């Protein structure tokens, strides 16, 4: 009987952790983008990549690398030309800082999808081993929480 209680306690603890992580994911899924998320490797906007829906991590990293390199070259050119206070570098009207922020948010969102799938699989496995007594206790706890 003690082994069953230990298993139930561990299962309950793991289910709570899964739910905590699911809530964490839900809060990260509503990003507030700074840019318009329309990126192009040319200033005229040909072949636009919508960062908002881009799911390929390699492509997002390539965009970041491109912007960092362009910004670095811009600063070097300003120094070579003797410009004391050059205007800030922008790409498609947004600073590198703005683009990097949006790229980080998008990467987080892409990675969240994989985490969510993993958590759902873990939750399903945990639900298979929940004892009838623990299931009843969890239902009572849920009802109690709903009545608060």
Protein backbone atom coordinates (compact mmCIF):
# COMPACT_ATOMS: atom_id res chain seq x y z
CA UNK A 1 0.00 0.00 0.00
CA UNK A 2 2.88 2.37 0.77
CA UNK A 3 4.34 1.76 -2.70
CA UNK A 4 1.00 2.72 -4.31
CA UNK A 5 0.86 5.95 -2.30
CA UNK A 6 4.44 6.76 -3.32
CA UNK A 7 3.61 6.13 -6.98
CA UNK A 8 0.48 8.26 -6.72
CA UNK A 9 2.41 11.09 -5.08
CA UNK A 10 5.11 10.97 -7.75
CA UNK A 11 2.50 10.82 -10.54
CA UNK A 12 0.62 13.78 -9.07
CA UNK A 13 3.85 15.73 -8.73
CA UNK A 14 4.77 15.03 -12.35
CA UNK A 15 1.30 15.98 -13.60
CA UNK A 16 1.56 19.29 -11.75
CA UNK A 17 4.94 19.95 -13.38
CA UNK A 18 3.50 19.17 -16.84
CA UNK A 19 0.63 21.61 -16.21
CA UNK A 20 3.04 24.29 -14.97
CA UNK A 21 5.10 23.97 -18.14
CA UNK A 22 1.99 24.07 -20.33
CA UNK A 23 0.96 27.36 -18.70
CA UNK A 24 4.48 28.71 -19.28
CA UNK A 25 4.19 27.81 -22.95
CA UNK A 26 0.75 29.40 -23.27
CA UNK A 27 2.06 32.72 -21.94
CA UNK A 28 4.96 32.71 -24.42
CA UNK A 29 2.71 32.04 -27.39
CA UNK A 30 1.34 35.56 -27.68
CA UNK A 31 4.36 37.54 -28.85
CA UNK A 32 4.23 41.27 -29.51
CA UNK A 33 6.36 41.79 -32.61
CA UNK A 34 8.11 45.13 -33.11
CA UNK A 35 8.78 44.91 -36.84
CA UNK A 36 6.26 44.22 -39.57
CA UNK A 37 7.90 40.74 -39.84
CA UNK A 38 8.38 41.14 -43.60
CA UNK A 39 12.07 40.51 -44.20
CA UNK A 40 13.89 40.60 -47.52
CA UNK A 41 17.57 40.25 -48.27
CA UNK A 42 17.23 43.21 -50.63
CA UNK A 43 16.12 46.71 -49.68
CA UNK A 44 13.49 46.77 -52.43
CA UNK A 45 11.50 43.99 -50.76
CA UNK A 46 11.82 41.26 -53.38
CA UNK A 47 11.29 37.68 -52.15
CA UNK A 48 9.82 38.63 -48.79
CA UNK A 49 10.10 36.18 -45.91
CA UNK A 50 7.32 36.45 -43.36
CA UNK A 51 9.18 36.03 -40.05
CA UNK A 52 5.83 35.70 -38.30
CA UNK A 53 5.27 32.28 -39.88
CA UNK A 54 8.82 31.13 -40.68
CA UNK A 55 9.35 27.78 -38.92
CA UNK A 56 12.81 26.88 -40.23
CA UNK A 57 15.32 27.65 -37.46
CA UNK A 58 18.19 27.77 -39.94
CA UNK A 59 16.43 30.48 -41.98
CA UNK A 60 15.82 32.58 -38.87
CA UNK A 61 19.48 32.28 -37.86
CA UNK A 62 20.55 33.23 -41.41
CA UNK A 63 18.41 36.38 -41.24
CA UNK A 64 20.02 37.33 -37.92
CA UNK A 65 23.51 36.71 -39.33
CA UNK A 66 22.74 38.82 -42.41
CA UNK A 67 21.51 41.74 -40.28
CA UNK A 68 24.46 41.58 -37.90
CA UNK A 69 26.93 41.52 -40.79
CA UNK A 70 25.22 44.42 -42.58
CA UNK A 71 25.17 46.44 -39.36
CA UNK A 72 28.86 45.76 -38.76
CA UNK A 73 29.77 46.79 -42.31
CA UNK A 74 27.64 49.93 -41.98
CA UNK A 75 29.52 50.95 -38.82
CA UNK A 76 32.88 50.22 -40.49
CA UNK A 77 31.90 52.30 -43.53
CA UNK A 78 30.85 55.21 -41.32
CA UNK A 79 34.21 55.05 -39.53
CA UNK A 80 36.11 54.82 -42.83
CA UNK A 81 34.26 57.89 -44.09
CA UNK A 82 34.97 59.80 -40.90
CA UNK A 83 31.32 60.19 -39.93
CA UNK A 84 31.31 61.14 -36.25
CA UNK A 85 27.71 60.29 -35.43
CA UNK A 86 26.18 58.23 -38.22
CA UNK A 87 22.44 57.67 -38.29
CA UNK A 88 21.55 54.28 -36.83
CA UNK A 89 21.56 51.33 -39.20
CA UNK A 90 18.11 50.13 -40.15
CA UNK A 91 16.80 47.44 -42.46
CA UNK A 92 13.33 47.85 -43.94
CA UNK A 93 12.81 50.71 -41.50
CA UNK A 94 13.66 48.77 -38.33
CA UNK A 95 16.81 48.59 -36.23
CA UNK A 96 18.83 45.42 -35.84
CA UNK A 97 17.77 45.37 -32.19
CA UNK A 98 14.10 45.32 -33.26
CA UNK A 99 14.72 42.55 -35.81
CA UNK A 100 16.71 40.48 -33.32
CA UNK A 101 13.95 40.81 -30.74
CA UNK A 102 11.37 39.57 -33.24
CA UNK A 103 13.62 36.74 -34.43
CA UNK A 104 14.16 35.61 -30.82
CA UNK A 105 10.40 35.66 -30.21
CA UNK A 106 9.76 33.63 -33.35
CA UNK A 107 12.47 31.10 -32.44
CA UNK A 108 10.93 30.74 -29.01
CA UNK A 109 7.54 30.13 -30.56
CA UNK A 110 8.96 27.53 -32.97
CA UNK A 111 10.69 25.73 -30.12
CA UNK A 112 7.54 25.88 -28.00
CA UNK A 113 5.68 23.75 -30.52
CA UNK A 114 8.17 20.93 -29.99
CA UNK A 115 8.00 21.34 -26.21
CA UNK A 116 4.19 21.28 -26.27
CA UNK A 117 4.18 18.02 -28.22
CA UNK A 118 6.60 16.45 -25.75
CA UNK A 119 4.53 17.61 -22.76
CA UNK A 120 1.34 16.22 -24.29
CA UNK A 121 3.03 12.85 -24.75
CA UNK A 122 4.26 12.89 -21.13
CA UNK A 123 0.84 13.86 -19.85
CA UNK A 124 -0.76 11.03 -21.81
CA UNK A 125 1.72 8.53 -20.37
CA UNK A 126 1.16 9.83 -16.83
CA UNK A 127 -2.62 9.64 -17.22
CA UNK A 128 -2.28 5.96 -18.12
CA UNK A 129 -0.71 5.15 -14.76
CA UNK A 130 -2.95 7.26 -12.51
CA UNK A 131 -4.67 5.02 -9.98
CA UNK A 132 -8.47 5.21 -9.57
CA UNK A 133 -7.99 6.69 -6.08
CA UNK A 134 -5.65 9.41 -7.36
CA UNK A 135 -7.95 10.13 -10.31
CA UNK A 136 -10.83 10.60 -7.84
CA UNK A 137 -8.67 12.89 -5.68
CA UNK A 138 -7.63 14.94 -8.72
CA UNK A 139 -11.26 15.33 -9.76
CA UNK A 140 -12.21 16.46 -6.25
CA UNK A 141 -9.36 18.98 -6.29
CA UNK A 142 -10.49 20.31 -9.69
CA UNK A 143 -14.08 20.67 -8.50
CA UNK A 144 -12.92 22.38 -5.33
CA UNK A 145 -10.79 24.80 -7.36
CA UNK A 146 -13.72 25.55 -9.71
CA UNK A 147 -15.95 26.43 -6.77
CA UNK A 148 -13.50 29.01 -5.37
